[in-house]
Structure formats: C-alpha cells, structure tokens
Amino acid sequence: MNQTRKIRQNEKDLIVFLLEKLNFNIADYPINEEIFEYEGGKMGSISLNNNPDAYAGDLIQVEYIDTDDTPVIITLTHDTEGQLLDLDFWKTDFSKLLKYPTINEIMLRN
C-alpha cells in the first residue's frame, strides 16, 4: 500500500498556477488533500489520485532551474476521467530536487 500525506500549500499553489495558465476553471479540477510522493519525494513528483494506470496525457509543461543550475521539467497530467493525475518533476540529471520552485521561478515551455 502506498504511503500518503497531506498536500503542501506550495504544491497547491503550483497546481493552481498551472491551471490558470491553461485558462481552466479551477473548480472543474479539484485538488485532492491526500497525495502520494513518488520516489519518497526525491524529485518532488506527486500523484494526485494514486492511479498511474489512468494516465490520459499531459496538460502543461513548464521549466524551472534548480539552485544547482540543473533544469527541471514540471508536467501536470490528467487521467481518463478528466481529473488531475500527477504533478511530475523531472530533473534532467536525475539528482534530488534542492529547492521547490515558487510560481515566480517557473518558465513556460514552448
């Protein structure tokens, strides 16, 4: 069984920011209070509904430069039911995320 925890405010803020960038109605995408951390939180990726088999696609990708100057790709995904699935972080050198990004540090990807 996967270990869950309460979602942190900075994670919620980032998700809301990404949904706003998509011009989505935030009320249509409720954010679960209980989440699951992938890899024990090493890179910052979280599952918002704990069903990775339900992946239906990416909603948006943004980029962040961690404090060690390593790019981090952040992807918000949705599931087959149209709900939020994951907030996925991929640090390009696979190292541990050093600082969680604020919305002011996020760059939209083309």
Protein backbone atom coordinates (compact mmCIF):
# COMPACT_ATOMS: atom_id res chain seq x y z
CA MET A 1 0.00 0.00 0.00
CA ASN A 2 1.28 3.48 -0.89
CA GLN A 3 2.04 5.95 1.88
CA THR A 4 0.05 9.16 1.57
CA ARG A 5 0.43 12.58 3.12
CA LYS A 6 -1.39 15.91 3.10
CA ILE A 7 -0.68 18.10 0.09
CA ARG A 8 1.51 21.10 0.89
CA GLN A 9 0.42 24.66 0.19
CA ASN A 10 3.31 25.27 -2.24
CA GLU A 11 2.19 22.21 -4.25
CA LYS A 12 -1.39 23.51 -4.37
CA ASP A 13 -0.17 26.96 -5.39
CA LEU A 14 1.83 25.50 -8.27
CA ILE A 15 -1.11 23.40 -9.49
CA VAL A 16 -3.48 26.38 -9.36
CA PHE A 17 -0.91 28.49 -11.24
CA LEU A 18 -0.62 25.84 -13.98
CA LEU A 19 -4.39 25.50 -14.30
CA GLU A 20 -4.72 29.28 -14.58
CA LYS A 21 -2.08 29.30 -17.36
CA LEU A 22 -4.32 26.84 -19.23
CA ASN A 23 -7.35 29.10 -18.65
CA PHE A 24 -9.06 26.15 -16.96
CA ASN A 25 -11.83 26.62 -14.45
CA ILE A 26 -10.12 25.58 -11.23
CA ALA A 27 -13.44 24.36 -9.79
CA ASP A 28 -13.50 21.68 -12.53
CA TYR A 29 -10.19 20.24 -11.29
CA PRO A 30 -10.44 19.61 -7.55
CA ILE A 31 -7.10 19.07 -5.84
CA ASN A 32 -7.03 16.09 -3.51
CA GLU A 33 -5.90 16.77 0.04
CA GLU A 34 -4.18 13.37 0.27
CA ILE A 35 -1.33 12.73 -2.17
CA PHE A 36 1.36 10.10 -2.74
CA GLU A 37 5.01 11.10 -3.21
CA TYR A 38 6.91 9.31 -5.95
CA GLU A 39 10.46 8.20 -5.07
CA GLY A 40 9.96 9.29 -1.48
CA GLY A 41 9.86 12.93 -2.57
CA LYS A 42 13.35 12.92 -4.12
CA MET A 43 12.39 14.99 -7.17
CA GLY A 44 9.11 16.47 -5.97
CA SER A 45 6.72 14.37 -8.09
CA ILE A 46 3.33 13.63 -6.56
CA SER A 47 0.32 11.54 -7.51
CA LEU A 48 -2.95 13.38 -7.05
CA ASN A 49 -5.19 10.34 -7.38
CA ASN A 50 -2.80 7.40 -6.85
CA ASN A 51 -3.79 5.57 -10.04
CA PRO A 52 -0.88 5.84 -12.53
CA ASP A 53 -2.58 3.37 -14.88
CA ALA A 54 -5.23 6.03 -15.62
CA TYR A 55 -2.82 8.39 -17.45
CA ALA A 56 -4.54 10.18 -20.32
CA GLY A 57 -2.00 12.85 -21.22
CA ASP A 58 -0.11 15.96 -20.28
CA LEU A 59 -1.96 19.21 -19.64
CA ILE A 60 1.01 21.58 -19.43
CA GLN A 61 4.79 21.52 -19.09
CA VAL A 62 6.89 24.24 -17.51
CA GLU A 63 10.54 24.55 -16.63
CA TYR A 64 12.41 25.55 -13.51
CA ILE A 65 16.14 25.92 -12.91
CA ASP A 66 17.12 24.38 -9.55
CA THR A 67 19.69 26.05 -7.30
CA ASP A 68 22.46 23.87 -8.80
CA ASP A 69 21.61 25.29 -12.28
CA THR A 70 20.05 21.99 -13.41
CA PRO A 71 16.85 22.28 -15.48
CA VAL A 72 13.72 20.67 -14.06
CA ILE A 73 10.74 19.86 -16.29
CA ILE A 74 7.41 20.02 -14.44
CA THR A 75 4.36 18.39 -16.01
CA LEU A 76 0.76 18.44 -14.85
CA THR A 77 -1.14 15.40 -16.15
CA HIS A 78 -4.73 14.24 -16.19
CA ASP A 79 -6.45 10.87 -16.04
CA THR A 80 -9.01 9.07 -18.16
CA GLU A 81 -11.80 10.61 -16.05
CA GLY A 82 -10.62 14.16 -16.83
CA GLN A 83 -9.25 14.75 -13.33
CA LEU A 84 -5.76 15.72 -12.21
CA LEU A 85 -3.40 12.75 -12.06
CA ASP A 86 0.20 13.80 -11.37
CA LEU A 87 2.41 16.77 -10.80
CA ASP A 88 5.58 15.30 -12.25
CA PHE A 89 9.08 16.71 -11.76
CA TRP A 90 11.98 15.53 -13.92
CA LYS A 91 15.36 16.94 -13.00
CA THR A 92 17.41 16.40 -16.12
CA ASP A 93 20.39 14.91 -14.28
CA PHE A 94 18.13 12.70 -12.10
CA SER A 95 19.51 14.26 -8.91
CA LYS A 96 17.49 15.31 -5.88
CA LEU A 97 15.43 18.50 -6.14
CA LEU A 98 17.23 21.06 -3.97
CA LYS A 99 14.56 23.78 -3.81
CA TYR A 100 10.86 23.57 -4.57
CA PRO A 101 10.02 26.27 -7.13
CA THR A 102 7.80 29.24 -6.49
CA ILE A 103 5.44 30.35 -9.24
CA ASN A 104 7.76 33.32 -9.93
CA GLU A 105 10.57 30.91 -10.85
CA ILE A 106 8.56 28.92 -13.40
CA MET A 107 9.09 29.40 -17.14
CA LEU A 108 6.52 28.29 -19.68
CA ARG A 109 7.83 25.85 -22.28
CA ASN A 110 7.08 26.32 -25.98
